[in-house]
């Protein structure tokens, strides 16, 4: 989506530091690219689904919900963690993505429904 280039730049920085991270971008929402995402994310342990909108009552954003449905019942499926960022036009930068990766890999993060990111917070 619209934040893909920033995510790719952050991932390159983290890989240069020896971290095993990657980015899968969704270019078309419908039809949902289920098979392409299953191939791209199949070896991941944790996937962070970044949404620019909140879906109250849905337990996360629409991207995360679609990813969980795609991986449902598959052996070795990654854990999908939701992050909501960029609400109200707030900035999403490389530091935002680095923070999302750090937060998603914390053991306690598995208990969180989703992460709300506010680019104004320090």
PDB file of N, CA and C in Angstrom:
ATOM      1  N   UNK A   1       0.816  -1.192   0.000  1.00  0.00           N
ATOM      2  CA  UNK A   1       0.000   0.000   0.000  1.00  0.00           C
ATOM      3  C   UNK A   1       0.853   1.246   0.000  1.00  0.00           C
ATOM      4  N   UNK A   2       0.299   2.309   0.498  1.00  0.00           N
ATOM      5  CA  UNK A   2       0.930   3.620   0.440  1.00  0.00           C
ATOM      6  C   UNK A   2       2.166   3.745   1.321  1.00  0.00           C
ATOM      7  N   UNK A   3       2.377   2.812   2.228  1.00  0.00           N
ATOM      8  CA  UNK A   3       3.535   2.890   3.128  1.00  0.00           C
ATOM      9  C   UNK A   3       4.594   1.839   2.787  1.00  0.00           C
ATOM     10  N   UNK A   4       4.432   1.201   1.656  1.00  0.00           N
ATOM     11  CA  UNK A   4       5.313   0.100   1.271  1.00  0.00           C
ATOM     12  C   UNK A   4       6.770   0.472   1.119  1.00  0.00           C
ATOM     13  N   UNK A   5       7.056   1.599   0.469  1.00  0.00           N
ATOM     14  CA  UNK A   5       8.452   2.004   0.276  1.00  0.00           C
ATOM     15  C   UNK A   5       9.141   2.272   1.602  1.00  0.00           C
ATOM     16  N   UNK A   6       8.426   2.902   2.521  1.00  0.00           N
ATOM     17  CA  UNK A   6       8.987   3.174   3.844  1.00  0.00           C
ATOM     18  C   UNK A   6       9.265   1.864   4.576  1.00  0.00           C
ATOM     19  N   UNK A   7       8.346   0.913   4.475  1.00  0.00           N
ATOM     20  CA  UNK A   7       8.537  -0.390   5.117  1.00  0.00           C
ATOM     21  C   UNK A   7       9.739  -1.116   4.524  1.00  0.00           C
ATOM     22  N   UNK A   8       9.883  -1.061   3.196  1.00  0.00           N
ATOM     23  CA  UNK A   8      11.027  -1.714   2.544  1.00  0.00           C
ATOM     24  C   UNK A   8      12.344  -1.098   3.004  1.00  0.00           C
ATOM     25  N   UNK A   9      12.382   0.214   3.123  1.00  0.00           N
ATOM     26  CA  UNK A   9      13.588   0.905   3.575  1.00  0.00           C
ATOM     27  C   UNK A   9      13.947   0.488   5.004  1.00  0.00           C
ATOM     28  N   UNK A  10      12.952   0.421   5.869  1.00  0.00           N
ATOM     29  CA  UNK A  10      13.190  -0.003   7.260  1.00  0.00           C
ATOM     30  C   UNK A  10      13.676  -1.449   7.309  1.00  0.00           C
ATOM     31  N   UNK A  11      13.087  -2.315   6.494  1.00  0.00           N
ATOM     32  CA  UNK A  11      13.491  -3.722   6.469  1.00  0.00           C
ATOM     33  C   UNK A  11      14.932  -3.863   5.991  1.00  0.00           C
ATOM     34  N   UNK A  12      15.327  -3.088   4.989  1.00  0.00           N
ATOM     35  CA  UNK A  12      16.718  -3.127   4.515  1.00  0.00           C
ATOM     36  C   UNK A  12      17.678  -2.742   5.627  1.00  0.00           C
ATOM     37  N   UNK A  13      17.333  -1.697   6.391  1.00  0.00           N
ATOM     38  CA  UNK A  13      18.182  -1.279   7.519  1.00  0.00           C
ATOM     39  C   UNK A  13      18.315  -2.408   8.535  1.00  0.00           C
ATOM     40  N   UNK A  14      17.198  -3.028   8.870  1.00  0.00           N
ATOM     41  CA  UNK A  14      17.223  -4.085   9.882  1.00  0.00           C
ATOM     42  C   UNK A  14      17.970  -5.318   9.386  1.00  0.00           C
ATOM     43  N   UNK A  15      17.832  -5.651   8.103  1.00  0.00           N
ATOM     44  CA  UNK A  15      18.585  -6.788   7.553  1.00  0.00           C
ATOM     45  C   UNK A  15      20.084  -6.497   7.568  1.00  0.00           C
ATOM     46  N   UNK A  16      20.474  -5.253   7.323  1.00  0.00           N
ATOM     47  CA  UNK A  16      21.888  -4.872   7.380  1.00  0.00           C
ATOM     48  C   UNK A  16      22.449  -5.050   8.787  1.00  0.00           C
ATOM     49  N   UNK A  17      21.574  -5.012   9.782  1.00  0.00           N
ATOM     50  CA  UNK A  17      21.965  -5.232  11.179  1.00  0.00           C
ATOM     51  C   UNK A  17      21.912  -6.709  11.551  1.00  0.00           C
ATOM     52  N   UNK A  18      21.546  -7.568  10.594  1.00  0.00           N
ATOM     53  CA  UNK A  18      21.498  -8.997  10.847  1.00  0.00           C
ATOM     54  C   UNK A  18      20.141  -9.519  11.296  1.00  0.00           C
ATOM     55  N   UNK A  19      19.126  -8.680  11.268  1.00  0.00           N
ATOM     56  CA  UNK A  19      17.790  -9.123  11.680  1.00  0.00           C
ATOM     57  C   UNK A  19      17.088  -9.775  10.496  1.00  0.00           C
ATOM     58  N   UNK A  20      16.316 -10.804  10.772  1.00  0.00           N
ATOM     59  CA  UNK A  20      15.601 -11.535   9.713  1.00  0.00           C
ATOM     60  C   UNK A  20      14.190 -10.972   9.576  1.00  0.00           C
ATOM     61  N   UNK A  21      14.049  -9.958   8.731  1.00  0.00           N
ATOM     62  CA  UNK A  21      12.752  -9.316   8.502  1.00  0.00           C
ATOM     63  C   UNK A  21      12.526  -9.173   7.004  1.00  0.00           C
ATOM     64  N   UNK A  22      11.284  -9.030   6.634  1.00  0.00           N
ATOM     65  CA  UNK A  22      10.929  -8.825   5.238  1.00  0.00           C
ATOM     66  C   UNK A  22       9.626  -8.067   5.138  1.00  0.00           C
ATOM     67  N   UNK A  23       9.239  -7.745   3.920  1.00  0.00           N
ATOM     68  CA  UNK A  23       8.017  -6.984   3.669  1.00  0.00           C
ATOM     69  C   UNK A  23       7.253  -7.651   2.537  1.00  0.00           C
ATOM     70  N   UNK A  24       5.978  -7.825   2.732  1.00  0.00           N
ATOM     71  CA  UNK A  24       5.071  -8.269   1.667  1.00  0.00           C
ATOM     72  C   UNK A  24       4.042  -7.161   1.497  1.00  0.00           C
ATOM     73  N   UNK A  25       3.900  -6.697   0.263  1.00  0.00           N
ATOM     74  CA  UNK A  25       2.971  -5.589   0.012  1.00  0.00           C
ATOM     75  C   UNK A  25       1.729  -6.090  -0.722  1.00  0.00           C
ATOM     76  N   UNK A  26       0.597  -5.543  -0.336  1.00  0.00           N
ATOM     77  CA  UNK A  26      -0.661  -5.860  -1.000  1.00  0.00           C
ATOM     78  C   UNK A  26      -0.961  -4.719  -1.962  1.00  0.00           C
ATOM     79  N   UNK A  27      -0.989  -5.020  -3.247  1.00  0.00           N
ATOM     80  CA  UNK A  27      -1.246  -3.985  -4.250  1.00  0.00           C
ATOM     81  C   UNK A  27      -2.723  -3.891  -4.618  1.00  0.00           C
ATOM     82  N   UNK A  28      -3.444  -5.006  -4.558  1.00  0.00           N
ATOM     83  CA  UNK A  28      -4.876  -5.029  -4.828  1.00  0.00           C
ATOM     84  C   UNK A  28      -5.583  -5.719  -3.675  1.00  0.00           C
ATOM     85  N   UNK A  29      -6.657  -5.102  -3.184  1.00  0.00           N
ATOM     86  CA  UNK A  29      -7.389  -5.671  -2.059  1.00  0.00           C
ATOM     87  C   UNK A  29      -8.344  -6.767  -2.511  1.00  0.00           C
ATOM     88  N   UNK A  30      -9.015  -6.563  -3.625  1.00  0.00           N
ATOM     89  CA  UNK A  30      -9.924  -7.565  -4.169  1.00  0.00           C
ATOM     90  C   UNK A  30      -9.613  -7.805  -5.622  1.00  0.00           C
ATOM     91  N   UNK A  31      -9.472  -9.031  -6.051  1.00  0.00           N
ATOM     92  CA  UNK A  31      -9.509 -10.213  -5.205  1.00  0.00           C
ATOM     93  C   UNK A  31      -8.285 -10.255  -4.287  1.00  0.00           C
ATOM     94  N   UNK A  32      -8.489 -10.683  -3.053  1.00  0.00           N
ATOM     95  CA  UNK A  32      -7.403 -10.729  -2.086  1.00  0.00           C
ATOM     96  C   UNK A  32      -6.342 -11.720  -2.575  1.00  0.00           C
ATOM     97  N   UNK A  33      -5.072 -11.309  -2.596  1.00  0.00           N
ATOM     98  CA  UNK A  33      -3.997 -12.160  -3.142  1.00  0.00           C
ATOM     99  C   UNK A  33      -3.570 -13.276  -2.188  1.00  0.00           C
ATOM    100  N   UNK A  34      -4.513 -14.111  -1.830  1.00  0.00           N
ATOM    101  CA  UNK A  34      -4.298 -15.155  -0.824  1.00  0.00           C
ATOM    102  C   UNK A  34      -3.111 -16.058  -1.134  1.00  0.00           C
ATOM    103  N   UNK A  35      -3.091 -16.647  -2.309  1.00  0.00           N
ATOM    104  CA  UNK A  35      -2.031 -17.591  -2.656  1.00  0.00           C
ATOM    105  C   UNK A  35      -0.656 -16.919  -2.680  1.00  0.00           C
ATOM    106  N   UNK A  36      -0.576 -15.728  -3.232  1.00  0.00           N
ATOM    107  CA  UNK A  36       0.703 -15.009  -3.284  1.00  0.00           C
ATOM    108  C   UNK A  36       1.208 -14.713  -1.874  1.00  0.00           C
ATOM    109  N   UNK A  37       0.312 -14.327  -0.977  1.00  0.00           N
ATOM    110  CA  UNK A  37       0.721 -14.045   0.392  1.00  0.00           C
ATOM    111  C   UNK A  37       1.085 -15.315   1.148  1.00  0.00           C
ATOM    112  N   UNK A  38       0.383 -16.394   0.889  1.00  0.00           N
ATOM    113  CA  UNK A  38       0.744 -17.666   1.531  1.00  0.00           C
ATOM    114  C   UNK A  38       2.163 -18.069   1.135  1.00  0.00           C
ATOM    115  N   UNK A  39       2.506 -17.883  -0.137  1.00  0.00           N
ATOM    116  CA  UNK A  39       3.870 -18.207  -0.591  1.00  0.00           C
ATOM    117  C   UNK A  39       4.892 -17.253   0.021  1.00  0.00           C
ATOM    118  N   UNK A  40       4.585 -15.964   0.007  1.00  0.00           N
ATOM    119  CA  UNK A  40       5.538 -14.957   0.480  1.00  0.00           C
ATOM    120  C   UNK A  40       5.775 -15.039   1.991  1.00  0.00           C
ATOM    121  N   UNK A  41       4.751 -15.377   2.743  1.00  0.00           N
ATOM    122  CA  UNK A  41       4.843 -15.340   4.206  1.00  0.00           C
ATOM    123  C   UNK A  41       4.933 -16.715   4.846  1.00  0.00           C
ATOM    124  N   UNK A  42       4.945 -17.759   4.037  1.00  0.00           N
ATOM    125  CA  UNK A  42       4.901 -19.119   4.544  1.00  0.00           C
ATOM    126  C   UNK A  42       6.005 -19.499   5.500  1.00  0.00           C
ATOM    127  N   UNK A  43       7.201 -18.949   5.373  1.00  0.00           N
ATOM    128  CA  UNK A  43       8.300 -19.313   6.250  1.00  0.00           C
ATOM    129  C   UNK A  43       8.423 -18.442   7.481  1.00  0.00           C
ATOM    130  N   UNK A  44       7.550 -17.452   7.616  1.00  0.00           N
ATOM    131  CA  UNK A  44       7.636 -16.509   8.736  1.00  0.00           C
ATOM    132  C   UNK A  44       7.086 -17.120  10.017  1.00  0.00           C
ATOM    133  N   UNK A  45       7.638 -16.711  11.145  1.00  0.00           N
ATOM    134  CA  UNK A  45       7.109 -17.117  12.451  1.00  0.00           C
ATOM    135  C   UNK A  45       6.057 -16.120  12.936  1.00  0.00           C
ATOM    136  N   UNK A  46       6.318 -14.827  12.675  1.00  0.00           N
ATOM    137  CA  UNK A  46       5.415 -13.749  13.084  1.00  0.00           C
ATOM    138  C   UNK A  46       5.227 -12.818  11.896  1.00  0.00           C
ATOM    139  N   UNK A  47       3.989 -12.405  11.661  1.00  0.00           N
ATOM    140  CA  UNK A  47       3.665 -11.441  10.613  1.00  0.00           C
ATOM    141  C   UNK A  47       2.970 -10.268  11.282  1.00  0.00           C
ATOM    142  N   UNK A  48       3.435  -9.057  10.988  1.00  0.00           N
ATOM    143  CA  UNK A  48       2.780  -7.856  11.495  1.00  0.00           C
ATOM    144  C   UNK A  48       1.951  -7.275  10.355  1.00  0.00           C
ATOM    145  N   UNK A  49       0.644  -7.245  10.535  1.00  0.00           N
ATOM    146  CA  UNK A  49      -0.260  -6.677   9.540  1.00  0.00           C
ATOM    147  C   UNK A  49      -0.499  -5.217   9.917  1.00  0.00           C
ATOM    148  N   UNK A  50      -0.025  -4.301   9.078  1.00  0.00           N
ATOM    149  CA  UNK A  50      -0.161  -2.871   9.362  1.00  0.00           C
ATOM    150  C   UNK A  50      -1.375  -2.338   8.619  1.00  0.00           C
ATOM    151  N   UNK A  51      -2.302  -1.799   9.370  1.00  0.00           N
ATOM    152  CA  UNK A  51      -3.516  -1.200   8.808  1.00  0.00           C
ATOM    153  C   UNK A  51      -3.529   0.289   9.088  1.00  0.00           C
ATOM    154  N   UNK A  52      -4.128   1.038   8.175  1.00  0.00           N
ATOM    155  CA  UNK A  52      -4.298   2.474   8.368  1.00  0.00           C
ATOM    156  C   UNK A  52      -5.718   2.782   8.824  1.00  0.00           C
ATOM    157  N   UNK A  53      -6.421   1.774   9.276  1.00  0.00           N
ATOM    158  CA  UNK A  53      -7.775   1.972   9.790  1.00  0.00           C
ATOM    159  C   UNK A  53      -8.045   0.986  10.911  1.00  0.00           C
ATOM    160  N   UNK A  54      -8.962   1.359  11.755  1.00  0.00           N
ATOM    161  CA  UNK A  54      -9.346   0.529  12.889  1.00  0.00           C
ATOM    162  C   UNK A  54     -10.706  -0.090  12.601  1.00  0.00           C
ATOM    163  N   UNK A  55     -10.874  -1.344  12.930  1.00  0.00           N
ATOM    164  CA  UNK A  55     -12.157  -2.038  12.777  1.00  0.00           C
ATOM    165  C   UNK A  55     -12.647  -2.440  14.164  1.00  0.00           C
ATOM    166  N   UNK A  56     -13.355  -1.544  14.845  1.00  0.00           N
ATOM    167  CA  UNK A  56     -13.810  -1.854  16.206  1.00  0.00           C
ATOM    168  C   UNK A  56     -14.619  -3.150  16.248  1.00  0.00           C
ATOM    169  N   UNK A  57     -14.311  -3.972  17.225  1.00  0.00           N
ATOM    170  CA  UNK A  57     -15.017  -5.224  17.408  1.00  0.00           C
ATOM    171  C   UNK A  57     -14.487  -6.368  16.559  1.00  0.00           C
ATOM    172  N   UNK A  58     -13.576  -6.069  15.655  1.00  0.00           N
ATOM    173  CA  UNK A  58     -13.067  -7.108  14.754  1.00  0.00           C
ATOM    174  C   UNK A  58     -11.796  -7.760  15.282  1.00  0.00           C
ATOM    175  N   UNK A  59     -11.263  -7.273  16.379  1.00  0.00           N
ATOM    176  CA  UNK A  59     -10.039  -7.867  16.923  1.00  0.00           C
ATOM    177  C   UNK A  59      -8.816  -7.512  16.117  1.00  0.00           C
ATOM    178  N   UNK A  60      -8.827  -6.377  15.464  1.00  0.00           N
ATOM    179  CA  UNK A  60      -7.705  -5.928  14.645  1.00  0.00           C
ATOM    180  C   UNK A  60      -8.204  -5.251  13.390  1.00  0.00           C
ATOM    181  N   UNK A  61      -7.299  -5.059  12.449  1.00  0.00           N
ATOM    182  CA  UNK A  61      -7.660  -4.403  11.204  1.00  0.00           C
ATOM    183  C   UNK A  61      -8.041  -5.388  10.127  1.00  0.00           C
ATOM    184  N   UNK A  62      -8.515  -4.892   8.987  1.00  0.00           N
ATOM    185  CA  UNK A  62      -8.945  -5.777   7.910  1.00  0.00           C
ATOM    186  C   UNK A  62      -7.818  -6.610   7.291  1.00  0.00           C
ATOM    187  N   UNK A  63      -6.605  -6.072   7.219  1.00  0.00           N
ATOM    188  CA  UNK A  63      -5.496  -6.847   6.645  1.00  0.00           C
ATOM    189  C   UNK A  63      -5.173  -8.040   7.546  1.00  0.00           C
ATOM    190  N   UNK A  64      -5.100  -7.786   8.831  1.00  0.00           N
ATOM    191  CA  UNK A  64      -4.832  -8.873   9.768  1.00  0.00           C
ATOM    192  C   UNK A  64      -5.914  -9.942   9.727  1.00  0.00           C
ATOM    193  N   UNK A  65      -7.177  -9.527   9.640  1.00  0.00           N
ATOM    194  CA  UNK A  65      -8.280 -10.487   9.583  1.00  0.00           C
ATOM    195  C   UNK A  65      -8.174 -11.361   8.331  1.00  0.00           C
ATOM    196  N   UNK A  66      -7.855 -10.752   7.200  1.00  0.00           N
ATOM    197  CA  UNK A  66      -7.711 -11.513   5.952  1.00  0.00           C
ATOM    198  C   UNK A  66      -6.536 -12.485   6.031  1.00  0.00           C
ATOM    199  N   UNK A  67      -5.431 -12.034   6.631  1.00  0.00           N
ATOM    200  CA  UNK A  67      -4.267 -12.917   6.758  1.00  0.00           C
ATOM    201  C   UNK A  67      -4.549 -14.089   7.683  1.00  0.00           C
ATOM    202  N   UNK A  68      -5.215 -13.819   8.804  1.00  0.00           N
ATOM    203  CA  UNK A  68      -5.561 -14.920   9.709  1.00  0.00           C
ATOM    204  C   UNK A  68      -6.471 -15.923   9.011  1.00  0.00           C
ATOM    205  N   UNK A  69      -7.417 -15.449   8.216  1.00  0.00           N
ATOM    206  CA  UNK A  69      -8.303 -16.352   7.477  1.00  0.00           C
ATOM    207  C   UNK A  69      -7.517 -17.168   6.455  1.00  0.00           C
ATOM    208  N   UNK A  70      -6.557 -16.533   5.789  1.00  0.00           N
ATOM    209  CA  UNK A  70      -5.762 -17.240   4.774  1.00  0.00           C
ATOM    210  C   UNK A  70      -4.926 -18.354   5.398  1.00  0.00           C
ATOM    211  N   UNK A  71      -4.393 -18.126   6.591  1.00  0.00           N
ATOM    212  CA  UNK A  71      -3.525 -19.107   7.241  1.00  0.00           C
ATOM    213  C   UNK A  71      -4.272 -20.081   8.142  1.00  0.00           C
ATOM    214  N   UNK A  72      -5.549 -19.862   8.346  1.00  0.00           N
ATOM    215  CA  UNK A  72      -6.340 -20.682   9.267  1.00  0.00           C
ATOM    216  C   UNK A  72      -6.223 -22.172   8.935  1.00  0.00           C
ATOM    217  N   UNK A  73      -5.850 -22.960   9.936  1.00  0.00           N
ATOM    218  CA  UNK A  73      -5.772 -24.405   9.785  1.00  0.00           C
ATOM    219  C   UNK A  73      -4.539 -24.919   9.055  1.00  0.00           C
ATOM    220  N   UNK A  74      -3.649 -24.045   8.644  1.00  0.00           N
ATOM    221  CA  UNK A  74      -2.441 -24.479   7.935  1.00  0.00           C
ATOM    222  C   UNK A  74      -1.345 -24.802   8.936  1.00  0.00           C
ATOM    223  N   UNK A  75      -0.708 -25.963   8.785  1.00  0.00           N
ATOM    224  CA  UNK A  75       0.386 -26.304   9.704  1.00  0.00           C
ATOM    225  C   UNK A  75       1.548 -25.325   9.538  1.00  0.00           C
ATOM    226  N   UNK A  76       2.132 -24.934  10.649  1.00  0.00           N
ATOM    227  CA  UNK A  76       3.270 -24.018  10.612  1.00  0.00           C
ATOM    228  C   UNK A  76       2.903 -22.590  10.268  1.00  0.00           C
ATOM    229  N   UNK A  77       1.637 -22.236  10.378  1.00  0.00           N
ATOM    230  CA  UNK A  77       1.190 -20.883  10.042  1.00  0.00           C
ATOM    231  C   UNK A  77       1.833 -19.869  10.979  1.00  0.00           C
ATOM    232  N   UNK A  78       2.200 -18.698  10.448  1.00  0.00           N
ATOM    233  CA  UNK A  78       2.786 -17.677  11.324  1.00  0.00           C
ATOM    234  C   UNK A  78       1.726 -17.067  12.235  1.00  0.00           C
ATOM    235  N   UNK A  79       2.182 -16.496  13.308  1.00  0.00           N
ATOM    236  CA  UNK A  79       1.303 -15.748  14.191  1.00  0.00           C
ATOM    237  C   UNK A  79       1.106 -14.368  13.569  1.00  0.00           C
ATOM    238  N   UNK A  80      -0.133 -13.969  13.374  1.00  0.00           N
ATOM    239  CA  UNK A  80      -0.433 -12.675  12.758  1.00  0.00           C
ATOM    240  C   UNK A  80      -0.737 -11.680  13.867  1.00  0.00           C
ATOM    241  N   UNK A  81       0.020 -10.600  13.894  1.00  0.00           N
ATOM    242  CA  UNK A  81      -0.177  -9.539  14.882  1.00  0.00           C
ATOM    243  C   UNK A  81      -0.600  -8.268  14.146  1.00  0.00           C
ATOM    244  N   UNK A  82      -1.584  -7.582  14.668  1.00  0.00           N
ATOM    245  CA  UNK A  82      -2.122  -6.381  14.039  1.00  0.00           C
ATOM    246  C   UNK A  82      -1.491  -5.122  14.605  1.00  0.00           C
ATOM    247  N   UNK A  83      -1.284  -4.153  13.717  1.00  0.00           N
ATOM    248  CA  UNK A  83      -0.842  -2.823  14.118  1.00  0.00           C
ATOM    249  C   UNK A  83      -1.673  -1.813  13.349  1.00  0.00           C
ATOM    250  N   UNK A  84      -2.190  -0.833  14.041  1.00  0.00           N
ATOM    251  CA  UNK A  84      -2.946   0.239  13.413  1.00  0.00           C
ATOM    252  C   UNK A  84      -2.076   1.481  13.497  1.00  0.00           C
ATOM    253  N   UNK A  85      -1.764   2.063  12.346  1.00  0.00           N
ATOM    254  CA  UNK A  85      -0.853   3.205  12.305  1.00  0.00           C
ATOM    255  C   UNK A  85      -1.311   4.199  11.246  1.00  0.00           C
ATOM    256  N   UNK A  86      -0.902   5.446  11.404  1.00  0.00           N
ATOM    257  CA  UNK A  86      -1.181   6.454  10.396  1.00  0.00           C
ATOM    258  C   UNK A  86      -2.585   7.027  10.438  1.00  0.00           C
ATOM    259  N   UNK A  87      -3.296   6.820  11.546  1.00  0.00           N
ATOM    260  CA  UNK A  87      -4.649   7.369  11.632  1.00  0.00           C
ATOM    261  C   UNK A  87      -4.603   8.893  11.607  1.00  0.00           C
ATOM    262  N   UNK A  88      -5.552   9.488  10.930  1.00  0.00           N
ATOM    263  CA  UNK A  88      -5.623  10.951  10.872  1.00  0.00           C
ATOM    264  C   UNK A  88      -4.458  11.578  10.147  1.00  0.00           C
ATOM    265  N   UNK A  89      -3.816  10.829   9.275  1.00  0.00           N
ATOM    266  CA  UNK A  89      -2.697  11.368   8.507  1.00  0.00           C
ATOM    267  C   UNK A  89      -1.386  11.422   9.274  1.00  0.00           C
ATOM    268  N   UNK A  90      -1.328  10.760  10.420  1.00  0.00           N
ATOM    269  CA  UNK A  90      -0.079  10.767  11.192  1.00  0.00           C
ATOM    270  C   UNK A  90       1.023  10.069  10.412  1.00  0.00           C
ATOM    271  N   UNK A  91       2.230  10.520  10.637  1.00  0.00           N
ATOM    272  CA  UNK A  91       3.390  10.010   9.921  1.00  0.00           C
ATOM    273  C   UNK A  91       3.693   8.558  10.283  1.00  0.00           C
ATOM    274  N   UNK A  92       4.040   7.790   9.250  1.00  0.00           N
ATOM    275  CA  UNK A  92       4.550   6.429   9.441  1.00  0.00           C
ATOM    276  C   UNK A  92       5.932   6.429   8.800  1.00  0.00           C
ATOM    277  N   UNK A  93       6.967   6.333   9.632  1.00  0.00           N
ATOM    278  CA  UNK A  93       8.331   6.405   9.111  1.00  0.00           C
ATOM    279  C   UNK A  93       9.097   5.113   9.414  1.00  0.00           C
ATOM    280  N   UNK A  94      10.373   5.095   9.049  1.00  0.00           N
ATOM    281  CA  UNK A  94      11.182   3.891   9.273  1.00  0.00           C
ATOM    282  C   UNK A  94      11.241   3.532  10.759  1.00  0.00           C
ATOM    283  N   UNK A  95      11.310   4.519  11.610  1.00  0.00           N
ATOM    284  CA  UNK A  95      11.363   4.269  13.051  1.00  0.00           C
ATOM    285  C   UNK A  95      10.074   3.603  13.515  1.00  0.00           C
ATOM    286  N   UNK A  96       8.944   3.986  12.910  1.00  0.00           N
ATOM    287  CA  UNK A  96       7.666   3.357  13.240  1.00  0.00           C
ATOM    288  C   UNK A  96       7.738   1.860  12.957  1.00  0.00           C
ATOM    289  N   UNK A  97       8.246   1.499  11.779  1.00  0.00           N
ATOM    290  CA  UNK A  97       8.337   0.082  11.413  1.00  0.00           C
ATOM    291  C   UNK A  97       9.322  -0.669  12.295  1.00  0.00           C
ATOM    292  N   UNK A  98      10.432  -0.037  12.621  1.00  0.00           N
ATOM    293  CA  UNK A  98      11.395  -0.690  13.507  1.00  0.00           C
ATOM    294  C   UNK A  98      10.734  -0.975  14.861  1.00  0.00           C
ATOM    295  N   UNK A  99       9.977  -0.023  15.365  1.00  0.00           N
ATOM    296  CA  UNK A  99       9.273  -0.202  16.628  1.00  0.00           C
ATOM    297  C   UNK A  99       8.226  -1.304  16.556  1.00  0.00           C
ATOM    298  N   UNK A 100       7.531  -1.399  15.412  1.00  0.00           N
ATOM    299  CA  UNK A 100       6.533  -2.458  15.245  1.00  0.00           C
ATOM    300  C   UNK A 100       7.177  -3.833  15.284  1.00  0.00           C
ATOM    301  N   UNK A 101       8.324  -3.976  14.632  1.00  0.00           N
ATOM    302  CA  UNK A 101       9.028  -5.260  14.645  1.00  0.00           C
ATOM    303  C   UNK A 101       9.477  -5.591  16.060  1.00  0.00           C
ATOM    304  N   UNK A 102      10.084  -4.620  16.747  1.00  0.00           N
ATOM    305  CA  UNK A 102      10.532  -4.855  18.122  1.00  0.00           C
ATOM    306  C   UNK A 102       9.359  -5.274  19.006  1.00  0.00           C
ATOM    307  N   UNK A 103       8.248  -4.566  18.885  1.00  0.00           N
ATOM    308  CA  UNK A 103       7.094  -4.852  19.727  1.00  0.00           C
ATOM    309  C   UNK A 103       6.478  -6.211  19.384  1.00  0.00           C
ATOM    310  N   UNK A 104       6.411  -6.546  18.108  1.00  0.00           N
ATOM    311  CA  UNK A 104       5.799  -7.814  17.695  1.00  0.00           C
ATOM    312  C   UNK A 104       6.592  -9.013  18.173  1.00  0.00           C
ATOM    313  N   UNK A 105       7.885  -8.864  18.348  1.00  0.00           N
ATOM    314  CA  UNK A 105       8.715  -9.988  18.751  1.00  0.00           C
ATOM    315  C   UNK A 105       8.818 -10.153  20.263  1.00  0.00           C
ATOM    316  N   UNK A 106       8.211  -9.246  21.017  1.00  0.00           N
ATOM    317  CA  UNK A 106       8.168  -9.408  22.475  1.00  0.00           C
ATOM    318  C   UNK A 106       7.239 -10.569  22.810  1.00  0.00           C
ATOM    319  N   UNK A 107       7.587 -11.429  23.757  1.00  0.00           N
ATOM    320  CA  UNK A 107       6.712 -12.553  24.112  1.00  0.00           C
ATOM    321  C   UNK A 107       5.318 -12.113  24.560  1.00  0.00           C
ATOM    322  N   UNK A 108       5.212 -11.014  25.279  1.00  0.00           N
ATOM    323  CA  UNK A 108       3.911 -10.566  25.778  1.00  0.00           C
ATOM    324  C   UNK A 108       3.013 -10.055  24.656  1.00  0.00           C
ATOM    325  N   UNK A 109       3.577  -9.751  23.493  1.00  0.00           N
ATOM    326  CA  UNK A 109       2.789  -9.199  22.393  1.00  0.00           C
ATOM    327  C   UNK A 109       1.721 -10.169  21.909  1.00  0.00           C
ATOM    328  N   UNK A 110       1.921 -11.450  22.124  1.00  0.00           N
ATOM    329  CA  UNK A 110       0.942 -12.453  21.674  1.00  0.00           C
ATOM    330  C   UNK A 110      -0.399 -12.275  22.377  1.00  0.00           C
ATOM    331  N   UNK A 111      -0.400 -11.655  23.550  1.00  0.00           N
ATOM    332  CA  UNK A 111      -1.639 -11.465  24.300  1.00  0.00           C
ATOM    333  C   UNK A 111      -2.390 -10.201  23.893  1.00  0.00           C
ATOM    334  N   UNK A 112      -1.774  -9.347  23.088  1.00  0.00           N
ATOM    335  CA  UNK A 112      -2.393  -8.093  22.690  1.00  0.00           C
ATOM    336  C   UNK A 112      -3.276  -8.313  21.471  1.00  0.00           C
ATOM    337  N   UNK A 113      -4.426  -7.653  21.443  1.00  0.00           N
ATOM    338  CA  UNK A 113      -5.317  -7.778  20.294  1.00  0.00           C
ATOM    339  C   UNK A 113      -4.714  -7.035  19.110  1.00  0.00           C
ATOM    340  N   UNK A 114      -4.315  -5.802  19.324  1.00  0.00           N
ATOM    341  CA  UNK A 114      -3.623  -5.051  18.289  1.00  0.00           C
ATOM    342  C   UNK A 114      -2.815  -3.941  18.935  1.00  0.00           C
ATOM    343  N   UNK A 115      -1.908  -3.386  18.157  1.00  0.00           N
ATOM    344  CA  UNK A 115      -1.051  -2.308  18.616  1.00  0.00           C
ATOM    345  C   UNK A 115      -1.489  -1.028  17.936  1.00  0.00           C
ATOM    346  N   UNK A 116      -1.684   0.026  18.706  1.00  0.00           N
ATOM    347  CA  UNK A 116      -2.028   1.322  18.154  1.00  0.00           C
ATOM    348  C   UNK A 116      -0.758   2.155  18.116  1.00  0.00           C
ATOM    349  N   UNK A 117      -0.420   2.691  16.955  1.00  0.00           N
ATOM    350  CA  UNK A 117       0.803   3.460  16.798  1.00  0.00           C
ATOM    351  C   UNK A 117       0.438   4.911  16.553  1.00  0.00           C
ATOM    352  N   UNK A 118       1.031   5.820  17.317  1.00  0.00           N
ATOM    353  CA  UNK A 118       0.834   7.247  17.120  1.00  0.00           C
ATOM    354  C   UNK A 118       2.193   7.850  16.846  1.00  0.00           C
ATOM    355  N   UNK A 119       2.421   8.307  15.622  1.00  0.00           N
ATOM    356  CA  UNK A 119       3.714   8.851  15.225  1.00  0.00           C
ATOM    357  C   UNK A 119       4.134  10.071  16.005  1.00  0.00           C
ATOM    358  N   UNK A 120       3.197  10.708  16.728  1.00  0.00           N
ATOM    359  CA  UNK A 120       3.558  11.890  17.512  1.00  0.00           C
ATOM    360  C   UNK A 120       4.189  11.518  18.840  1.00  0.00           C
ATOM    361  N   UNK A 121       3.981  10.296  19.294  1.00  0.00           N
ATOM    362  CA  UNK A 121       4.524   9.873  20.587  1.00  0.00           C
ATOM    363  C   UNK A 121       6.037   9.725  20.496  1.00  0.00           C
ATOM    364  N   UNK A 122       6.706  10.040  21.573  1.00  0.00           N
ATOM    365  CA  UNK A 122       8.171   9.924  21.546  1.00  0.00           C
ATOM    366  C   UNK A 122       8.630   8.698  22.260  1.00  0.00           C
TER     367      UNK A 122
END
